[in-house]
Structure formats: C-alpha cells, structure tokens
Amino acid sequence: MKHIKQKITKDYSKFYLLPMNREIQAVHVEKMVNSIRSMGCIRDIVVAETNLIDGIKRKYIIDGQHLFSACQREGLPIVYRLVQINTDEELVEKMAALNNTSKSWNLINYINAWKYVNTDYMTLLKYINLYNLEPSMIAMIAMNQNNTTGTSKLIKKGEFVISNSKTAAMCKAFSDFFIKIGTADRWIKFNFLSVFTSEYGKYDHTKALLKLDKHLSTIKAMADPKYAQDYIRKNIFY
C-alpha cells in the first residue's frame, strides 16, 4: 500500500469544502476544540486536489472538515495528507468511506453526496422533501423493490436509478396512508408499503383510506409480519 506523505501548513485559504459533504455543525466543532485543548490534534485531515468541482484545481477536504474548522479557530497548523481523485464517483466513494469511520453517514448524507453525480438522486431528494416518508420507502417505490436493505445498499453505492414511471403518484398515494398510520412499529409500515405497491392501480383509494380508519388499531396490535400483510391486503385493499 502506497504511503501518503504528511504535509503541514497554516495557510487556511488553500483549502475548500466540498458542496456534497455534510454541513459543518458548530456543536461538533466545539467538541473538536475541547479535544484538541485536552490532548492535541491526534489525526490528519484528508485532502483531494481536483478540478472536478468547478473546473479549477483546488484542495478539497474530503475527511476532517470539523477538525479543520477547530484548528483554524485555535490558530493551529493544518496537518493533512493529499490523495488522488480521478472521477466524480471516486470522490464521493472516498468521502463517504472516510467520513463513515468517524461518524456514520445516514441515507440522506449519501443522497446529498450522490446528487452531484446522478440526477436521479436529486429527484429522490425532491420526493423526500415533498412527502413525509422514509427515504428508503421512496427509493423502494422508485426502484420497484421490496427489500429495504438491498435498496439502501444501492443508494450508498451510487447505483440508485428511478425505474418506476409512477413514482410521484405512488409516493403521494402512500403518503395518505402513512399519515393515517402515524406512530407504529417500523415493520408494520414496511409491510403496508409492500402490500400497497403490489395492489397499486387495482384498488379504490378513497375506500381504502376509510377501511384503514376502521382497522388501524388491529393492524398496530399485530405481532406476526406474515399475518399482518395478509390482513392488510384483505381488509384494506380488497
């Protein structure tokens, strides 16, 4: 494995923040400052020199933006290592991998990063902002998937693609059910989604919402996923 030489500078203007990285949180910077004051700076910032963002070759922080802010605040030199980046995809992959070791990324972090590379992520983010649904639920509808784990993995790898032309209409319709369901075990919501996607276009939406009002308490009390799915199909969508 190639050794990446350590570099040091106090010229803070050399560094830029990536638009697809997480926003800097002042609370986290404060924690980094306290850590530095207690035991010094014990890790390096990782930087990529690239022209992929705006056509101009600049040094972008891909890991350690909070540490950079803390060092700048304390007037300390920036200790960093420079890595090679050749493509947009490689930039997002390395940024996600490095950041995940310190504070795990959630799906929204991945979606915000990949939206600069894949426009389907931008559309996914639009639906997330429009409808009160979990990101993985919208992605499952958009990809015609029934497996939340598999869908999440595709999102993280940059392989999310909208293949369902009815995504917008289905998200709107399922959001109606989701609002009525309210507080419930997560597996119940995903079971409901599974039945909804298989029955979409074959049921009366208005009647189904009325039926949900009648059977909701029973559905929420269920403990068997298979039985719950059968019950939802029979009593809500038939």
Protein backbone atom coordinates (compact mmCIF):
# COMPACT_ATOMS: atom_id res chain seq x y z
CA MET A 1 0.00 0.00 0.00
CA LYS A 2 1.36 3.41 -1.04
CA HIS A 3 2.35 5.71 1.83
CA ILE A 4 0.74 9.16 1.64
CA LYS A 5 3.15 11.84 2.80
CA GLN A 6 2.05 14.11 5.63
CA LYS A 7 2.02 17.86 4.95
CA ILE A 8 1.66 20.87 7.25
CA THR A 9 0.52 24.45 6.60
CA LYS A 10 -1.03 27.44 8.33
CA ASP A 11 -2.41 28.84 5.09
CA TYR A 12 -6.11 28.07 5.64
CA SER A 13 -7.04 29.70 2.33
CA LYS A 14 -5.55 26.72 0.48
CA PHE A 15 -8.50 24.51 1.45
CA TYR A 16 -12.08 24.30 0.21
CA LEU A 17 -15.14 22.45 1.49
CA LEU A 18 -16.99 20.03 -0.75
CA PRO A 19 -20.60 21.00 -1.56
CA MET A 20 -21.69 17.35 -1.30
CA ASN A 21 -20.24 16.76 2.16
CA ARG A 22 -22.22 17.12 5.38
CA GLU A 23 -22.79 20.63 6.68
CA ILE A 24 -20.45 21.75 9.42
CA GLN A 25 -22.09 21.68 12.86
CA ALA A 26 -20.86 24.28 15.36
CA VAL A 27 -21.55 21.87 18.24
CA HIS A 28 -19.25 19.27 16.68
CA VAL A 29 -16.54 21.88 16.07
CA GLU A 30 -16.78 22.82 19.76
CA LYS A 31 -16.22 19.18 20.73
CA MET A 32 -13.17 19.02 18.46
CA VAL A 33 -11.78 22.22 20.05
CA ASN A 34 -12.17 20.71 23.54
CA SER A 35 -10.47 17.51 22.37
CA ILE A 36 -7.55 19.45 20.86
CA ARG A 37 -7.12 21.50 24.04
CA SER A 38 -7.13 18.32 26.10
CA MET A 39 -4.76 16.08 24.12
CA GLY A 40 -3.70 17.93 20.99
CA CYS A 41 -4.50 17.11 17.38
CA ILE A 42 -4.10 13.35 17.01
CA ARG A 43 -5.22 12.74 13.43
CA ASP A 44 -4.72 14.21 9.98
CA ILE A 45 -7.13 15.87 7.60
CA VAL A 46 -7.53 14.12 4.23
CA VAL A 47 -7.49 16.35 1.17
CA ALA A 48 -8.08 15.73 -2.53
CA GLU A 49 -6.62 18.05 -5.14
CA THR A 50 -9.04 18.05 -8.07
CA ASN A 51 -10.70 20.20 -10.73
CA LEU A 52 -13.85 18.05 -10.79
CA ILE A 53 -15.99 20.51 -8.83
CA ASP A 54 -15.74 23.74 -10.84
CA GLY A 55 -13.00 23.12 -13.40
CA ILE A 56 -10.32 24.78 -11.25
CA LYS A 57 -7.75 22.64 -9.47
CA ARG A 58 -8.23 23.16 -5.73
CA LYS A 59 -7.57 21.31 -2.49
CA TYR A 60 -10.87 19.96 -1.11
CA ILE A 61 -11.26 18.47 2.36
CA ILE A 62 -12.84 15.03 1.99
CA ASP A 63 -12.41 14.00 5.63
CA GLY A 64 -11.88 16.20 8.68
CA GLN A 65 -13.79 19.39 7.87
CA HIS A 66 -14.81 19.79 11.53
CA LEU A 67 -11.21 19.22 12.62
CA PHE A 68 -10.08 21.80 10.05
CA SER A 69 -12.55 24.33 11.46
CA ALA A 70 -11.40 23.60 15.01
CA CYS A 71 -7.71 24.00 14.10
CA GLN A 72 -8.47 27.23 12.26
CA ARG A 73 -10.39 28.51 15.28
CA GLU A 74 -7.44 27.71 17.56
CA GLY A 75 -4.87 29.13 15.13
CA LEU A 76 -3.17 25.76 14.77
CA PRO A 77 -1.39 24.44 11.66
CA ILE A 78 -3.31 22.08 9.39
CA VAL A 79 -1.75 18.62 9.24
CA TYR A 80 -3.04 16.87 6.13
CA ARG A 81 -2.49 14.12 3.59
CA LEU A 82 -3.20 14.51 -0.12
CA VAL A 83 -4.98 11.71 -2.05
CA GLN A 84 -5.50 11.26 -5.79
CA ILE A 85 -9.02 11.53 -7.18
CA ASN A 86 -9.78 10.84 -10.84
CA THR A 87 -13.59 10.75 -11.17
CA ASP A 88 -16.70 12.22 -9.55
CA GLU A 89 -17.72 8.73 -8.44
CA GLU A 90 -14.35 8.10 -6.81
CA LEU A 91 -14.61 11.42 -4.98
CA VAL A 92 -18.00 10.54 -3.43
CA GLU A 93 -16.94 6.96 -2.63
CA LYS A 94 -13.77 8.03 -0.80
CA MET A 95 -15.52 10.87 1.01
CA ALA A 96 -18.28 8.52 2.22
CA ALA A 97 -15.83 5.77 3.25
CA LEU A 98 -13.60 8.15 5.22
CA ASN A 99 -16.43 10.03 6.92
CA ASN A 100 -18.18 6.80 7.87
CA THR A 101 -15.27 5.78 10.10
CA SER A 102 -15.72 8.77 12.41
CA LYS A 103 -19.46 9.43 12.35
CA SER A 104 -21.70 7.12 10.35
CA TRP A 105 -23.50 8.58 7.36
CA ASN A 106 -27.25 8.15 7.12
CA LEU A 107 -29.09 7.72 3.81
CA ILE A 108 -29.70 11.47 3.47
CA ASN A 109 -25.93 12.07 3.65
CA TYR A 110 -25.37 9.63 0.79
CA ILE A 111 -28.24 11.08 -1.25
CA ASN A 112 -26.89 14.62 -0.82
CA ALA A 113 -23.44 13.47 -1.92
CA TRP A 114 -24.50 11.43 -4.95
CA LYS A 115 -26.96 14.07 -6.24
CA TYR A 116 -23.99 15.93 -7.72
CA VAL A 117 -23.13 12.88 -9.82
CA ASN A 118 -26.51 11.25 -10.55
CA THR A 119 -29.62 13.38 -11.25
CA ASP A 120 -31.93 10.58 -10.06
CA TYR A 121 -30.65 11.33 -6.54
CA MET A 122 -31.78 14.93 -6.99
CA THR A 123 -35.26 13.66 -7.90
CA LEU A 124 -35.22 11.32 -4.91
CA LEU A 125 -34.37 14.25 -2.64
CA LYS A 126 -37.26 16.22 -4.11
CA TYR A 127 -39.71 13.43 -3.23
CA ILE A 128 -38.21 13.17 0.27
CA ASN A 129 -38.88 16.88 0.78
CA LEU A 130 -42.41 16.59 -0.62
CA TYR A 131 -43.67 13.55 1.25
CA ASN A 132 -43.39 12.51 4.88
CA LEU A 133 -41.93 9.09 4.04
CA GLU A 134 -38.66 7.41 4.94
CA PRO A 135 -36.03 7.82 2.19
CA SER A 136 -35.78 4.04 1.81
CA MET A 137 -39.55 3.80 1.28
CA ILE A 138 -39.47 6.32 -1.56
CA ALA A 139 -36.45 4.56 -3.05
CA MET A 140 -38.24 1.20 -2.90
CA ILE A 141 -41.20 2.68 -4.79
CA ALA A 142 -38.91 4.35 -7.33
CA MET A 143 -36.92 1.17 -7.99
CA ASN A 144 -39.82 -1.31 -7.77
CA GLN A 145 -38.01 -3.01 -4.88
CA ASN A 146 -39.40 -4.84 -1.85
CA ASN A 147 -36.13 -5.18 0.05
CA THR A 148 -35.23 -2.18 2.20
CA THR A 149 -31.70 -3.44 2.94
CA GLY A 150 -30.90 -4.03 -0.72
CA THR A 151 -32.31 -0.63 -1.68
CA SER A 152 -30.23 1.14 0.97
CA LYS A 153 -27.06 -0.57 -0.28
CA LEU A 154 -27.73 0.58 -3.85
CA ILE A 155 -28.24 4.17 -2.64
CA LYS A 156 -24.95 4.11 -0.74
CA LYS A 157 -23.04 2.70 -3.72
CA GLY A 158 -24.35 5.37 -6.10
CA GLU A 159 -26.42 2.85 -8.04
CA PHE A 160 -29.88 4.26 -7.33
CA VAL A 161 -31.94 4.58 -10.53
CA ILE A 162 -35.60 5.55 -10.88
CA SER A 163 -37.22 2.80 -12.94
CA ASN A 164 -40.85 3.34 -11.93
CA SER A 165 -42.62 5.98 -14.07
CA LYS A 166 -45.42 6.17 -11.46
CA THR A 167 -43.11 7.10 -8.58
CA ALA A 168 -44.57 10.57 -7.92
CA ALA A 169 -48.20 9.38 -7.95
CA MET A 170 -47.43 6.34 -5.79
CA CYS A 171 -45.49 8.40 -3.22
CA LYS A 172 -48.42 10.81 -2.97
CA ALA A 173 -50.91 7.96 -2.52
CA PHE A 174 -48.82 6.07 0.02
CA SER A 175 -48.23 9.29 1.93
CA ASP A 176 -52.01 9.41 2.54
CA PHE A 177 -51.81 6.00 4.24
CA PHE A 178 -48.59 6.88 6.05
CA ILE A 179 -50.15 9.98 7.64
CA LYS A 180 -53.10 7.93 8.92
CA ILE A 181 -50.88 5.13 10.23
CA GLY A 182 -48.93 7.60 12.35
CA THR A 183 -46.97 6.02 15.19
CA ALA A 184 -46.49 2.29 14.59
CA ASP A 185 -43.74 -0.31 14.51
CA ARG A 186 -41.46 0.22 11.53
CA TRP A 187 -42.04 -3.30 10.21
CA ILE A 188 -45.80 -2.62 10.04
CA LYS A 189 -45.19 0.43 7.86
CA PHE A 190 -42.93 -1.51 5.52
CA ASN A 191 -45.41 -4.40 5.38
CA PHE A 192 -48.09 -1.89 4.45
CA LEU A 193 -45.82 -0.50 1.75
CA SER A 194 -45.21 -3.97 0.35
CA VAL A 195 -48.94 -4.65 0.02
CA PHE A 196 -49.58 -1.14 -1.33
CA THR A 197 -47.03 -1.48 -4.14
CA SER A 198 -48.43 -4.86 -5.22
CA GLU A 199 -52.03 -3.59 -5.20
CA TYR A 200 -51.46 -0.10 -6.62
CA GLY A 201 -53.79 0.66 -9.51
CA LYS A 202 -56.20 -2.14 -8.56
CA TYR A 203 -57.92 -0.67 -5.50
CA ASP A 204 -60.22 2.28 -4.69
CA HIS A 205 -58.03 4.81 -2.86
CA THR A 206 -60.83 6.66 -1.05
CA LYS A 207 -62.43 3.43 0.18
CA ALA A 208 -59.06 2.03 1.26
CA LEU A 209 -58.40 5.09 3.43
CA LEU A 210 -61.81 4.66 5.10
CA LYS A 211 -61.10 0.97 5.69
CA LEU A 212 -57.77 1.89 7.27
CA ASP A 213 -59.58 4.09 9.80
CA LYS A 214 -61.68 1.08 10.76
CA HIS A 215 -58.86 -1.50 11.02
CA LEU A 216 -55.87 0.61 12.09
CA SER A 217 -55.90 -0.31 15.78
CA THR A 218 -55.98 -4.01 14.88
CA ILE A 219 -53.09 -3.65 12.44
CA LYS A 220 -50.97 -1.79 15.00
CA ALA A 221 -51.57 -4.52 17.60
CA MET A 222 -50.30 -7.32 15.33
CA ALA A 223 -47.04 -9.13 16.01
CA ASP A 224 -46.81 -11.57 13.08
CA PRO A 225 -45.49 -9.89 9.88
CA LYS A 226 -46.93 -12.53 7.51
CA TYR A 227 -50.37 -12.44 9.11
CA ALA A 228 -50.30 -8.62 9.19
CA GLN A 229 -49.55 -8.48 5.48
CA ASP A 230 -52.42 -10.84 4.65
CA TYR A 231 -54.75 -8.88 6.93
CA ILE A 232 -53.82 -5.55 5.31
CA ARG A 233 -54.32 -6.95 1.83
CA LYS A 234 -57.71 -8.47 2.62
CA ASN A 235 -59.19 -5.72 4.82
CA ILE A 236 -57.73 -2.54 3.28
CA PHE A 237 -57.16 -3.18 -0.41
CA TYR A 238 -59.85 -5.75 -1.33
